[in-house]
Amino acid sequence: MREGWSESWRTLRGVARSLHIYYGDRSRRAAMERLYRRFVQPGDLVFDIGAHVGDRIAVFRRFGARVVAVEPQPALVRTLKLIYGRDRAVAIEPVAVSRREMILDFRLNLDNPTVSTASDDFHVATKGAPGWEGQAWTRTIRVAATTLDTLLTRHGEPAFIKIDVEGSEAEALAGLTRPSPALSFEFTTIQRSVAAACIERCARLGYTRYNAMLGESHALVHGDWVSGEEIASWLHALPQSANSGDIYALLP
């Protein structure tokens, strides 16, 4: 009983911490709006893959976009339903995303749910890595996974797909054969090979222009959009201390 109460308290505290971080900074919100206005217009459909506590949903909805929010963590699904459950323009999908329909083992980080993961390789890569000290994945649950193609069939063609799934980005993109005009995926310097695989997959899907942001800056690092080869070289040259960020891809 005491262990169950302790786990519930850690989960609640982790969610509350995320809500404070991701909703409490006005300057961060303004920077997000400047960034995403490049990709999202009123009436567009957006896929938020790895929606977490939904801060990006809030930005997309302020633009007048419709959102499909995909999040497998039960505590975060409950949070999303509390915040957006009455908004008919937000569809909440309580699943993971992978290359095929399947059941996944999903590792929960109760104190920091933003880095919960279905990737064993990601979990291994964090061990002893600078910047990842103190992270602990103490519980594993089973979650259903769908594909991006299935979500497109169910909800329609999105103008923008944001993918942030802690080491499973390449798996998610492997389930996409109908590219949207623009997408983004998270990268980490502890798993550059995952990002490289994502760039290769994007190239096969027809994306030709790329850019990136570091951390949570929400500012693009390249003044002009660059080729896949150039963004791959930029990623390779990053210092380990860069830690993470997002790569953006556009169709011609």
Protein backbone atom coordinates (compact mmCIF):
# COMPACT_ATOMS: atom_id res chain seq x y z
CA MET A 1 0.00 0.00 0.00
CA ARG A 2 2.77 2.43 0.99
CA GLU A 3 4.70 1.63 -2.22
CA GLY A 4 1.60 2.28 -4.35
CA TRP A 5 0.98 5.59 -2.59
CA SER A 6 4.62 6.61 -3.07
CA GLU A 7 4.47 5.80 -6.79
CA SER A 8 1.23 7.76 -7.22
CA TRP A 9 2.75 10.74 -5.41
CA ARG A 10 5.88 10.65 -7.59
CA THR A 11 3.72 10.50 -10.72
CA LEU A 12 1.60 13.45 -9.57
CA ARG A 13 4.71 15.44 -8.65
CA GLY A 14 6.33 14.66 -12.02
CA VAL A 15 3.25 15.77 -13.94
CA ALA A 16 2.94 18.94 -11.85
CA ARG A 17 6.61 19.74 -12.50
CA SER A 18 6.07 19.33 -16.25
CA LEU A 19 2.97 21.55 -16.19
CA HIS A 20 4.94 24.27 -14.44
CA ILE A 21 7.89 24.03 -16.82
CA TYR A 22 5.94 23.83 -20.06
CA TYR A 23 3.05 26.21 -19.33
CA GLY A 24 4.61 28.69 -16.91
CA ASP A 25 7.06 30.60 -19.14
CA ARG A 26 5.52 33.33 -21.31
CA SER A 27 8.72 34.02 -23.23
CA ARG A 28 8.98 30.33 -24.11
CA ARG A 29 5.39 30.34 -25.30
CA ALA A 30 6.02 33.38 -27.51
CA ALA A 31 9.11 31.74 -29.03
CA MET A 32 7.12 28.57 -29.77
CA GLU A 33 4.47 30.61 -31.54
CA ARG A 34 7.04 32.35 -33.72
CA LEU A 35 8.56 29.01 -34.67
CA TYR A 36 5.40 27.06 -35.43
CA ARG A 37 3.74 29.84 -37.42
CA ARG A 38 6.18 28.82 -40.19
CA PHE A 39 4.40 25.48 -40.49
CA VAL A 40 0.84 25.80 -39.19
CA GLN A 41 -2.04 27.93 -40.47
CA PRO A 42 -5.66 28.35 -39.26
CA GLY A 43 -7.71 25.29 -40.12
CA ASP A 44 -4.68 23.00 -40.55
CA LEU A 45 -4.51 19.56 -39.01
CA VAL A 46 -1.43 18.89 -36.83
CA PHE A 47 -0.21 15.61 -35.36
CA ASP A 48 1.50 16.00 -31.95
CA ILE A 49 3.26 12.65 -31.51
CA GLY A 50 4.45 12.45 -27.93
CA ALA A 51 2.13 15.20 -26.70
CA HIS A 52 3.26 14.95 -23.05
CA VAL A 53 1.28 17.62 -21.12
CA GLY A 54 0.10 19.38 -24.28
CA ASP A 55 1.93 22.71 -24.30
CA ARG A 56 2.32 22.52 -28.07
CA ILE A 57 -1.35 21.65 -28.42
CA ALA A 58 -2.07 25.01 -26.79
CA VAL A 59 0.07 26.79 -29.38
CA PHE A 60 -1.51 24.97 -32.32
CA ARG A 61 -5.01 25.69 -31.01
CA ARG A 62 -4.19 29.40 -30.65
CA PHE A 63 -3.42 29.29 -34.38
CA GLY A 64 -6.86 27.82 -35.04
CA ALA A 65 -5.46 24.40 -36.01
CA ARG A 66 -6.99 21.03 -35.25
CA VAL A 67 -4.77 18.62 -33.31
CA VAL A 68 -4.37 14.87 -32.98
CA ALA A 69 -2.51 14.41 -29.68
CA VAL A 70 -0.78 11.03 -29.32
CA GLU A 71 0.46 10.06 -25.85
CA PRO A 72 0.76 6.55 -24.30
CA GLN A 73 1.41 7.46 -20.65
CA PRO A 74 -1.81 6.98 -18.64
CA ALA A 75 -1.13 9.86 -16.23
CA LEU A 76 -0.45 12.22 -19.12
CA VAL A 77 -3.51 11.01 -21.03
CA ARG A 78 -5.60 11.92 -17.98
CA THR A 79 -3.89 15.31 -17.87
CA LEU A 80 -4.59 15.95 -21.56
CA LYS A 81 -8.22 14.99 -21.12
CA LEU A 82 -8.56 17.39 -18.17
CA ILE A 83 -7.09 20.27 -20.18
CA TYR A 84 -8.41 19.54 -23.70
CA GLY A 85 -11.11 16.90 -23.29
CA ARG A 86 -13.93 19.38 -24.03
CA ASP A 87 -12.22 20.80 -27.11
CA ARG A 88 -13.75 19.12 -30.17
CA ALA A 89 -10.76 20.25 -32.25
CA VAL A 90 -8.41 18.06 -30.18
CA ALA A 91 -8.46 14.27 -30.62
CA ILE A 92 -6.51 12.40 -27.93
CA GLU A 93 -5.01 9.05 -28.98
CA PRO A 94 -3.79 7.07 -25.91
CA VAL A 95 -1.23 5.02 -27.85
CA ALA A 96 2.42 4.91 -28.85
CA VAL A 97 3.58 5.16 -32.47
CA SER A 98 5.84 2.64 -34.18
CA ARG A 99 6.59 1.02 -37.56
CA ARG A 100 3.64 -1.38 -37.22
CA GLU A 101 0.64 -2.15 -35.03
CA MET A 102 2.00 -3.89 -31.93
CA ILE A 103 2.21 -3.98 -28.13
CA LEU A 104 5.27 -2.31 -26.60
CA ASP A 105 6.98 -2.37 -23.22
CA PHE A 106 7.05 1.25 -22.10
CA ARG A 107 9.47 2.40 -19.38
CA LEU A 108 8.08 5.10 -17.09
CA ASN A 109 10.24 7.75 -15.45
CA LEU A 110 7.86 8.78 -12.68
CA ASP A 111 9.86 11.83 -11.61
CA ASN A 112 10.45 13.10 -15.15
CA PRO A 113 7.71 11.72 -17.44
CA THR A 114 9.01 13.68 -20.42
CA VAL A 115 11.79 11.08 -20.85
CA SER A 116 9.69 7.95 -20.47
CA THR A 117 10.46 5.66 -23.39
CA ALA A 118 9.63 2.53 -25.36
CA SER A 119 13.22 2.29 -26.62
CA ASP A 120 15.58 -0.10 -24.83
CA ASP A 121 18.49 1.44 -26.76
CA PHE A 122 17.58 4.91 -25.45
CA HIS A 123 17.42 3.58 -21.90
CA VAL A 124 20.88 2.01 -22.27
CA ALA A 125 22.34 5.13 -23.92
CA THR A 126 21.40 7.33 -20.96
CA LYS A 127 23.42 5.28 -18.48
CA GLY A 128 26.46 7.27 -17.43
CA ALA A 129 25.84 9.92 -20.10
CA PRO A 130 26.55 13.54 -19.10
CA GLY A 131 23.30 15.45 -18.69
CA TRP A 132 21.31 12.32 -17.91
CA GLU A 133 22.45 11.79 -14.35
CA GLY A 134 19.77 10.85 -11.83
CA GLN A 135 17.18 9.67 -14.35
CA ALA A 136 15.42 6.47 -13.30
CA TRP A 137 12.92 4.32 -15.18
CA THR A 138 11.30 2.42 -12.32
CA ARG A 139 8.15 0.98 -13.85
CA THR A 140 7.30 -0.76 -17.13
CA ILE A 141 3.81 -0.92 -18.62
CA ARG A 142 2.42 -2.46 -21.79
CA VAL A 143 1.01 -0.02 -24.34
CA ALA A 144 -0.60 -0.37 -27.76
CA ALA A 145 1.26 1.16 -30.69
CA THR A 146 -0.18 2.33 -34.00
CA THR A 147 1.44 3.80 -37.12
CA LEU A 148 1.49 7.28 -38.58
CA ASP A 149 -0.18 5.91 -41.72
CA THR A 150 -3.03 4.54 -39.60
CA LEU A 151 -3.46 7.91 -37.92
CA LEU A 152 -3.57 9.60 -41.33
CA THR A 153 -6.27 7.20 -42.49
CA ARG A 154 -8.26 7.81 -39.31
CA HIS A 155 -7.94 11.59 -38.99
CA GLY A 156 -6.85 12.99 -42.37
CA GLU A 157 -3.73 14.52 -43.88
CA PRO A 158 -1.81 16.78 -41.47
CA ALA A 159 0.02 19.93 -42.52
CA PHE A 160 2.65 19.32 -39.83
CA ILE A 161 3.78 16.33 -37.77
CA LYS A 162 5.78 16.85 -34.58
CA ILE A 163 7.53 13.71 -33.27
CA ASP A 164 9.10 13.61 -29.80
CA VAL A 165 9.18 10.01 -28.58
CA GLU A 166 12.47 9.56 -26.68
CA GLY A 167 14.57 7.40 -28.94
CA SER A 168 11.74 5.90 -31.03
CA GLU A 169 11.65 8.64 -33.68
CA ALA A 170 13.04 6.40 -36.44
CA GLU A 171 10.54 3.69 -35.54
CA ALA A 172 7.72 6.22 -35.82
CA LEU A 173 8.90 7.50 -39.21
CA ALA A 174 9.21 3.92 -40.49
CA GLY A 175 5.41 3.74 -40.26
CA LEU A 176 4.90 6.78 -42.51
CA THR A 177 4.56 6.44 -46.28
CA ARG A 178 2.40 9.51 -46.99
CA PRO A 179 4.52 12.54 -46.04
CA SER A 180 3.04 15.77 -44.72
CA PRO A 181 4.30 19.13 -46.03
CA ALA A 182 6.45 19.55 -42.91
CA LEU A 183 7.55 17.55 -39.90
CA SER A 184 9.95 17.67 -36.98
CA PHE A 185 11.65 14.99 -34.91
CA GLU A 186 13.66 15.19 -31.71
CA PHE A 187 17.32 14.20 -31.64
CA THR A 188 19.78 13.55 -28.80
CA THR A 189 23.55 13.56 -28.95
CA ILE A 190 23.60 10.25 -27.05
CA GLN A 191 21.77 8.64 -30.00
CA ARG A 192 22.91 10.44 -33.14
CA SER A 193 22.37 7.25 -35.13
CA VAL A 194 18.63 7.50 -34.51
CA ALA A 195 18.56 11.02 -35.91
CA ALA A 196 20.70 9.94 -38.87
CA ALA A 197 18.19 7.19 -39.60
CA CYS A 198 15.39 9.76 -39.42
CA ILE A 199 17.17 12.01 -41.92
CA GLU A 200 17.63 9.07 -44.28
CA ARG A 201 13.95 8.14 -43.94
CA CYS A 202 12.89 11.74 -44.59
CA ALA A 203 15.02 11.80 -47.75
CA ARG A 204 13.30 8.64 -48.98
CA LEU A 205 9.93 10.26 -48.30
CA GLY A 206 10.91 13.22 -50.49
CA TYR A 207 11.94 15.86 -47.96
CA THR A 208 14.70 18.06 -49.37
CA ARG A 209 15.02 21.06 -47.01
CA TYR A 210 16.12 20.88 -43.38
CA ASN A 211 16.71 23.05 -40.35
CA ALA A 212 17.17 22.52 -36.62
CA MET A 213 16.85 24.00 -33.17
CA LEU A 214 18.89 23.27 -30.07
CA GLY A 215 17.29 22.41 -26.75
CA GLU A 216 14.13 24.37 -26.04
CA SER A 217 15.32 27.57 -27.74
CA HIS A 218 12.58 27.43 -30.42
CA ALA A 219 14.92 29.31 -32.74
CA LEU A 220 16.17 27.79 -35.98
CA VAL A 221 19.96 27.54 -36.14
CA HIS A 222 20.30 27.96 -39.93
CA GLY A 223 19.26 31.19 -41.61
CA ASP A 224 18.60 29.31 -44.84
CA TRP A 225 17.22 25.79 -45.13
CA VAL A 226 19.90 23.24 -45.95
CA SER A 227 20.11 19.83 -47.62
CA GLY A 228 19.88 16.47 -45.91
CA GLU A 229 23.63 15.99 -46.25
CA GLU A 230 24.29 19.37 -44.63
CA ILE A 231 21.98 18.77 -41.69
CA ALA A 232 23.53 15.34 -41.16
CA SER A 233 27.02 16.91 -41.10
CA TRP A 234 25.82 19.59 -38.66
CA LEU A 235 24.39 16.88 -36.38
CA HIS A 236 27.61 14.86 -36.54
CA ALA A 237 29.71 17.91 -35.57
CA LEU A 238 27.64 18.90 -32.53
CA PRO A 239 29.42 18.64 -29.17
CA GLN A 240 28.04 16.04 -26.79
CA SER A 241 27.02 18.88 -24.47
CA ALA A 242 24.41 20.06 -27.00
CA ASN A 243 22.30 17.22 -25.60
CA SER A 244 19.11 17.48 -27.66
CA GLY A 245 16.97 19.46 -30.04
CA ASP A 246 14.71 19.05 -33.05
CA ILE A 247 15.30 18.69 -36.78
CA TYR A 248 12.72 20.11 -39.21
CA ALA A 249 12.07 18.80 -42.69
CA LEU A 250 10.12 20.35 -45.60
CA LEU A 251 8.92 18.91 -48.86
CA PRO A 252 10.01 20.79 -52.01
